[in-house]
Amino acid sequence: MPNSVYKKVDFVGVSPNSISEAINNAIAHAATTEKVTWFEVVEMRGHVEEGKVTQYQVILKVGFRVGP
């Protein structure tokens, strides 16, 4: 949108099941505070125990429109 202003905030989504669920968890939380208009995946990582993935972690930059 022309002449729009956005703010960008980092969120970390976590899930024991999948990257997709971790993203959705972060967006669901972000959407409770303000209207989310876009997101960008910055980093993906996970936690491993005894050779198995036990947690997916995704760092997102989430955009909120604050201007016209």
PDB file of N, CA and C in Angstrom:
ATOM      1  N   MET A   1       0.842  -1.182   0.000  1.00  0.00           N
ATOM      2  CA  MET A   1       0.000   0.000   0.000  1.00  0.00           C
ATOM      3  C   MET A   1       0.885   1.242   0.000  1.00  0.00           C
ATOM      4  N   PRO A   2       0.564   2.194  -0.830  1.00  0.00           N
ATOM      5  CA  PRO A   2       1.367   3.417  -0.834  1.00  0.00           C
ATOM      6  C   PRO A   2       1.163   4.218   0.449  1.00  0.00           C
ATOM      7  N   ASN A   3       2.235   4.848   0.902  1.00  0.00           N
ATOM      8  CA  ASN A   3       2.205   5.723   2.075  1.00  0.00           C
ATOM      9  C   ASN A   3       1.749   5.037   3.361  1.00  0.00           C
ATOM     10  N   SER A   4       1.961   3.742   3.480  1.00  0.00           N
ATOM     11  CA  SER A   4       1.617   3.025   4.712  1.00  0.00           C
ATOM     12  C   SER A   4       2.837   2.942   5.613  1.00  0.00           C
ATOM     13  N   VAL A   5       2.581   2.762   6.904  1.00  0.00           N
ATOM     14  CA  VAL A   5       3.644   2.606   7.888  1.00  0.00           C
ATOM     15  C   VAL A   5       3.383   1.328   8.666  1.00  0.00           C
ATOM     16  N   TYR A   6       4.447   0.563   8.895  1.00  0.00           N
ATOM     17  CA  TYR A   6       4.343  -0.694   9.621  1.00  0.00           C
ATOM     18  C   TYR A   6       5.374  -0.729  10.737  1.00  0.00           C
ATOM     19  N   LYS A   7       5.100  -1.519  11.763  1.00  0.00           N
ATOM     20  CA  LYS A   7       6.139  -1.814  12.737  1.00  0.00           C
ATOM     21  C   LYS A   7       6.423  -3.307  12.657  1.00  0.00           C
ATOM     22  N   LYS A   8       7.646  -3.678  12.984  1.00  0.00           N
ATOM     23  CA  LYS A   8       8.090  -5.056  12.873  1.00  0.00           C
ATOM     24  C   LYS A   8       8.581  -5.516  14.249  1.00  0.00           C
ATOM     25  N   VAL A   9       8.067  -6.668  14.706  1.00  0.00           N
ATOM     26  CA  VAL A   9       8.386  -7.187  16.028  1.00  0.00           C
ATOM     27  C   VAL A   9       8.810  -8.650  15.883  1.00  0.00           C
ATOM     28  N   ASP A  10       9.807  -9.059  16.663  1.00  0.00           N
ATOM     29  CA  ASP A  10      10.247 -10.453  16.648  1.00  0.00           C
ATOM     30  C   ASP A  10       9.389 -11.301  17.584  1.00  0.00           C
ATOM     31  N   PHE A  11       9.024 -12.490  17.109  1.00  0.00           N
ATOM     32  CA  PHE A  11       8.337 -13.484  17.912  1.00  0.00           C
ATOM     33  C   PHE A  11       9.046 -14.812  17.715  1.00  0.00           C
ATOM     34  N   VAL A  12       9.048 -15.649  18.726  1.00  0.00           N
ATOM     35  CA  VAL A  12       9.585 -16.999  18.618  1.00  0.00           C
ATOM     36  C   VAL A  12       8.448 -17.977  18.865  1.00  0.00           C
ATOM     37  N   GLY A  13       8.127 -18.758  17.829  1.00  0.00           N
ATOM     38  CA  GLY A  13       7.100 -19.782  17.960  1.00  0.00           C
ATOM     39  C   GLY A  13       7.749 -21.115  18.269  1.00  0.00           C
ATOM     40  N   VAL A  14       7.090 -21.905  19.115  1.00  0.00           N
ATOM     41  CA  VAL A  14       7.634 -23.189  19.543  1.00  0.00           C
ATOM     42  C   VAL A  14       6.548 -24.250  19.414  1.00  0.00           C
ATOM     43  N   SER A  15       6.957 -25.450  18.993  1.00  0.00           N
ATOM     44  CA  SER A  15       6.026 -26.568  18.907  1.00  0.00           C
ATOM     45  C   SER A  15       6.794 -27.886  19.035  1.00  0.00           C
ATOM     46  N   PRO A  16       6.202 -28.876  19.680  1.00  0.00           N
ATOM     47  CA  PRO A  16       6.822 -30.202  19.706  1.00  0.00           C
ATOM     48  C   PRO A  16       6.518 -30.997  18.438  1.00  0.00           C
ATOM     49  N   ASN A  17       5.629 -30.473  17.573  1.00  0.00           N
ATOM     50  CA  ASN A  17       5.141 -31.243  16.428  1.00  0.00           C
ATOM     51  C   ASN A  17       5.710 -30.856  15.071  1.00  0.00           C
ATOM     52  N   SER A  18       5.806 -29.534  14.773  1.00  0.00           N
ATOM     53  CA  SER A  18       6.234 -29.145  13.427  1.00  0.00           C
ATOM     54  C   SER A  18       6.616 -27.673  13.347  1.00  0.00           C
ATOM     55  N   ILE A  19       7.353 -27.337  12.292  1.00  0.00           N
ATOM     56  CA  ILE A  19       7.696 -25.948  11.994  1.00  0.00           C
ATOM     57  C   ILE A  19       6.418 -25.154  11.737  1.00  0.00           C
ATOM     58  N   SER A  20       5.511 -25.734  10.973  1.00  0.00           N
ATOM     59  CA  SER A  20       4.255 -25.056  10.642  1.00  0.00           C
ATOM     60  C   SER A  20       3.461 -24.716  11.899  1.00  0.00           C
ATOM     61  N   GLU A  21       3.383 -25.631  12.825  1.00  0.00           N
ATOM     62  CA  GLU A  21       2.661 -25.367  14.071  1.00  0.00           C
ATOM     63  C   GLU A  21       3.367 -24.294  14.895  1.00  0.00           C
ATOM     64  N   ALA A  22       4.689 -24.292  14.880  1.00  0.00           N
ATOM     65  CA  ALA A  22       5.441 -23.260  15.600  1.00  0.00           C
ATOM     66  C   ALA A  22       5.136 -21.876  15.021  1.00  0.00           C
ATOM     67  N   ILE A  23       5.069 -21.769  13.698  1.00  0.00           N
ATOM     68  CA  ILE A  23       4.712 -20.503  13.040  1.00  0.00           C
ATOM     69  C   ILE A  23       3.307 -20.088  13.443  1.00  0.00           C
ATOM     70  N   ASN A  24       2.372 -21.010  13.350  1.00  0.00           N
ATOM     71  CA  ASN A  24       0.980 -20.699  13.702  1.00  0.00           C
ATOM     72  C   ASN A  24       0.831 -20.292  15.165  1.00  0.00           C
ATOM     73  N   ASN A  25       1.596 -20.903  16.052  1.00  0.00           N
ATOM     74  CA  ASN A  25       1.547 -20.521  17.470  1.00  0.00           C
ATOM     75  C   ASN A  25       2.003 -19.076  17.661  1.00  0.00           C
ATOM     76  N   ALA A  26       3.087 -18.696  16.994  1.00  0.00           N
ATOM     77  CA  ALA A  26       3.593 -17.323  17.110  1.00  0.00           C
ATOM     78  C   ALA A  26       2.603 -16.323  16.536  1.00  0.00           C
ATOM     79  N   ILE A  27       2.044 -16.616  15.366  1.00  0.00           N
ATOM     80  CA  ILE A  27       1.095 -15.697  14.718  1.00  0.00           C
ATOM     81  C   ILE A  27      -0.180 -15.577  15.554  1.00  0.00           C
ATOM     82  N   ALA A  28      -0.653 -16.684  16.097  1.00  0.00           N
ATOM     83  CA  ALA A  28      -1.870 -16.638  16.927  1.00  0.00           C
ATOM     84  C   ALA A  28      -1.658 -15.735  18.138  1.00  0.00           C
ATOM     85  N   HIS A  29      -0.494 -15.820  18.743  1.00  0.00           N
ATOM     86  CA  HIS A  29      -0.220 -14.959  19.895  1.00  0.00           C
ATOM     87  C   HIS A  29      -0.083 -13.502  19.464  1.00  0.00           C
ATOM     88  N   ALA A  30       0.639 -13.256  18.381  1.00  0.00           N
ATOM     89  CA  ALA A  30       0.817 -11.881  17.888  1.00  0.00           C
ATOM     90  C   ALA A  30      -0.531 -11.251  17.551  1.00  0.00           C
ATOM     91  N   ALA A  31      -1.429 -12.022  16.995  1.00  0.00           N
ATOM     92  CA  ALA A  31      -2.731 -11.501  16.572  1.00  0.00           C
ATOM     93  C   ALA A  31      -3.631 -11.128  17.745  1.00  0.00           C
ATOM     94  N   THR A  32      -3.295 -11.579  18.951  1.00  0.00           N
ATOM     95  CA  THR A  32      -4.109 -11.192  20.114  1.00  0.00           C
ATOM     96  C   THR A  32      -3.801  -9.774  20.567  1.00  0.00           C
ATOM     97  N   THR A  33      -2.668  -9.225  20.146  1.00  0.00           N
ATOM     98  CA  THR A  33      -2.282  -7.884  20.574  1.00  0.00           C
ATOM     99  C   THR A  33      -2.598  -6.825  19.522  1.00  0.00           C
ATOM    100  N   GLU A  34      -2.401  -7.149  18.263  1.00  0.00           N
ATOM    101  CA  GLU A  34      -2.630  -6.194  17.183  1.00  0.00           C
ATOM    102  C   GLU A  34      -2.963  -6.939  15.906  1.00  0.00           C
ATOM    103  N   LYS A  35      -3.350  -6.205  14.873  1.00  0.00           N
ATOM    104  CA  LYS A  35      -3.680  -6.827  13.600  1.00  0.00           C
ATOM    105  C   LYS A  35      -2.405  -7.138  12.820  1.00  0.00           C
ATOM    106  N   VAL A  36      -2.137  -8.419  12.661  1.00  0.00           N
ATOM    107  CA  VAL A  36      -0.962  -8.873  11.914  1.00  0.00           C
ATOM    108  C   VAL A  36      -1.259  -8.757  10.427  1.00  0.00           C
ATOM    109  N   THR A  37      -0.315  -8.188   9.672  1.00  0.00           N
ATOM    110  CA  THR A  37      -0.506  -8.073   8.231  1.00  0.00           C
ATOM    111  C   THR A  37       0.472  -8.921   7.425  1.00  0.00           C
ATOM    112  N   TRP A  38       1.597  -9.291   8.020  1.00  0.00           N
ATOM    113  CA  TRP A  38       2.550 -10.148   7.316  1.00  0.00           C
ATOM    114  C   TRP A  38       3.548 -10.719   8.307  1.00  0.00           C
ATOM    115  N   PHE A  39       4.289 -11.754   7.867  1.00  0.00           N
ATOM    116  CA  PHE A  39       5.376 -12.287   8.683  1.00  0.00           C
ATOM    117  C   PHE A  39       6.495 -12.766   7.772  1.00  0.00           C
ATOM    118  N   GLU A  40       7.679 -12.858   8.363  1.00  0.00           N
ATOM    119  CA  GLU A  40       8.867 -13.307   7.661  1.00  0.00           C
ATOM    120  C   GLU A  40       9.592 -14.291   8.578  1.00  0.00           C
ATOM    121  N   VAL A  41       9.893 -15.488   8.078  1.00  0.00           N
ATOM    122  CA  VAL A  41      10.663 -16.451   8.864  1.00  0.00           C
ATOM    123  C   VAL A  41      12.127 -16.054   8.769  1.00  0.00           C
ATOM    124  N   VAL A  42      12.743 -15.786   9.915  1.00  0.00           N
ATOM    125  CA  VAL A  42      14.125 -15.335   9.967  1.00  0.00           C
ATOM    126  C   VAL A  42      15.068 -16.498  10.277  1.00  0.00           C
ATOM    127  N   GLU A  43      14.620 -17.381  11.144  1.00  0.00           N
ATOM    128  CA  GLU A  43      15.486 -18.480  11.572  1.00  0.00           C
ATOM    129  C   GLU A  43      14.638 -19.662  11.995  1.00  0.00           C
ATOM    130  N   MET A  44      15.114 -20.858  11.690  1.00  0.00           N
ATOM    131  CA  MET A  44      14.464 -22.083  12.150  1.00  0.00           C
ATOM    132  C   MET A  44      15.518 -22.914  12.866  1.00  0.00           C
ATOM    133  N   ARG A  45      15.117 -23.480  13.981  1.00  0.00           N
ATOM    134  CA  ARG A  45      16.024 -24.357  14.717  1.00  0.00           C
ATOM    135  C   ARG A  45      15.183 -25.329  15.531  1.00  0.00           C
ATOM    136  N   GLY A  46      15.849 -26.222  16.218  1.00  0.00           N
ATOM    137  CA  GLY A  46      15.120 -27.180  17.028  1.00  0.00           C
ATOM    138  C   GLY A  46      15.965 -27.699  18.171  1.00  0.00           C
ATOM    139  N   HIS A  47      15.317 -28.479  18.989  1.00  0.00           N
ATOM    140  CA  HIS A  47      15.983 -29.089  20.140  1.00  0.00           C
ATOM    141  C   HIS A  47      15.975 -30.597  19.922  1.00  0.00           C
ATOM    142  N   VAL A  48      17.111 -31.229  20.205  1.00  0.00           N
ATOM    143  CA  VAL A  48      17.254 -32.673  20.007  1.00  0.00           C
ATOM    144  C   VAL A  48      17.606 -33.330  21.338  1.00  0.00           C
ATOM    145  N   GLU A  49      16.909 -34.417  21.636  1.00  0.00           N
ATOM    146  CA  GLU A  49      17.219 -35.235  22.811  1.00  0.00           C
ATOM    147  C   GLU A  49      17.293 -36.689  22.387  1.00  0.00           C
ATOM    148  N   GLU A  50      18.378 -37.332  22.748  1.00  0.00           N
ATOM    149  CA  GLU A  50      18.584 -38.752  22.442  1.00  0.00           C
ATOM    150  C   GLU A  50      18.378 -39.055  20.962  1.00  0.00           C
ATOM    151  N   GLY A  51      18.870 -38.154  20.115  1.00  0.00           N
ATOM    152  CA  GLY A  51      18.814 -38.367  18.673  1.00  0.00           C
ATOM    153  C   GLY A  51      17.476 -38.096  18.018  1.00  0.00           C
ATOM    154  N   LYS A  52      16.524 -37.519  18.754  1.00  0.00           N
ATOM    155  CA  LYS A  52      15.196 -37.232  18.196  1.00  0.00           C
ATOM    156  C   LYS A  52      14.852 -35.768  18.398  1.00  0.00           C
ATOM    157  N   VAL A  53      14.167 -35.200  17.404  1.00  0.00           N
ATOM    158  CA  VAL A  53      13.707 -33.817  17.517  1.00  0.00           C
ATOM    159  C   VAL A  53      12.583 -33.766  18.540  1.00  0.00           C
ATOM    160  N   THR A  54      12.756 -32.904  19.548  1.00  0.00           N
ATOM    161  CA  THR A  54      11.736 -32.790  20.589  1.00  0.00           C
ATOM    162  C   THR A  54      11.029 -31.441  20.568  1.00  0.00           C
ATOM    163  N   GLN A  55      11.605 -30.480  19.822  1.00  0.00           N
ATOM    164  CA  GLN A  55      10.978 -29.159  19.766  1.00  0.00           C
ATOM    165  C   GLN A  55      11.443 -28.417  18.514  1.00  0.00           C
ATOM    166  N   TYR A  56      10.496 -27.769  17.846  1.00  0.00           N
ATOM    167  CA  TYR A  56      10.785 -26.902  16.710  1.00  0.00           C
ATOM    168  C   TYR A  56      10.650 -25.459  17.180  1.00  0.00           C
ATOM    169  N   GLN A  57      11.607 -24.631  16.785  1.00  0.00           N
ATOM    170  CA  GLN A  57      11.600 -23.225  17.171  1.00  0.00           C
ATOM    171  C   GLN A  57      11.770 -22.382  15.915  1.00  0.00           C
ATOM    172  N   VAL A  58      10.919 -21.381  15.757  1.00  0.00           N
ATOM    173  CA  VAL A  58      10.952 -20.517  14.573  1.00  0.00           C
ATOM    174  C   VAL A  58      10.950 -19.062  15.019  1.00  0.00           C
ATOM    175  N   ILE A  59      11.921 -18.303  14.543  1.00  0.00           N
ATOM    176  CA  ILE A  59      11.953 -16.869  14.822  1.00  0.00           C
ATOM    177  C   ILE A  59      11.306 -16.154  13.646  1.00  0.00           C
ATOM    178  N   LEU A  60      10.307 -15.336  13.958  1.00  0.00           N
ATOM    179  CA  LEU A  60       9.563 -14.595  12.936  1.00  0.00           C
ATOM    180  C   LEU A  60       9.704 -13.100  13.162  1.00  0.00           C
ATOM    181  N   LYS A  61       9.726 -12.352  12.097  1.00  0.00           N
ATOM    182  CA  LYS A  61       9.514 -10.910  12.153  1.00  0.00           C
ATOM    183  C   LYS A  61       8.064 -10.724  11.720  1.00  0.00           C
ATOM    184  N   VAL A  62       7.261 -10.144  12.585  1.00  0.00           N
ATOM    185  CA  VAL A  62       5.829  -9.988  12.335  1.00  0.00           C
ATOM    186  C   VAL A  62       5.542  -8.510  12.101  1.00  0.00           C
ATOM    187  N   GLY A  63       4.803  -8.222  11.030  1.00  0.00           N
ATOM    188  CA  GLY A  63       4.486  -6.837  10.676  1.00  0.00           C
ATOM    189  C   GLY A  63       3.082  -6.454  11.072  1.00  0.00           C
ATOM    190  N   PHE A  64       2.971  -5.248  11.660  1.00  0.00           N
ATOM    191  CA  PHE A  64       1.688  -4.680  12.052  1.00  0.00           C
ATOM    192  C   PHE A  64       1.548  -3.330  11.358  1.00  0.00           C
ATOM    193  N   ARG A  65       0.427  -3.085  10.733  1.00  0.00           N
ATOM    194  CA  ARG A  65       0.203  -1.779  10.100  1.00  0.00           C
ATOM    195  C   ARG A  65      -0.160  -0.756  11.168  1.00  0.00           C
ATOM    196  N   VAL A  66       0.569   0.361  11.186  1.00  0.00           N
ATOM    197  CA  VAL A  66       0.311   1.409  12.165  1.00  0.00           C
ATOM    198  C   VAL A  66      -0.027   2.755  11.528  1.00  0.00           C
ATOM    199  N   GLY A  67       0.154   2.846  10.222  1.00  0.00           N
ATOM    200  CA  GLY A  67      -0.121   4.099   9.535  1.00  0.00           C
ATOM    201  C   GLY A  67      -1.257   3.953   8.539  1.00  0.00           C
ATOM    202  N   PRO A  68      -1.551   5.010   7.829  1.00  0.00           N
ATOM    203  CA  PRO A  68      -2.691   5.001   6.909  1.00  0.00           C
ATOM    204  C   PRO A  68      -2.627   3.913   5.856  1.00  0.00           C
TER     205      PRO A  68
END
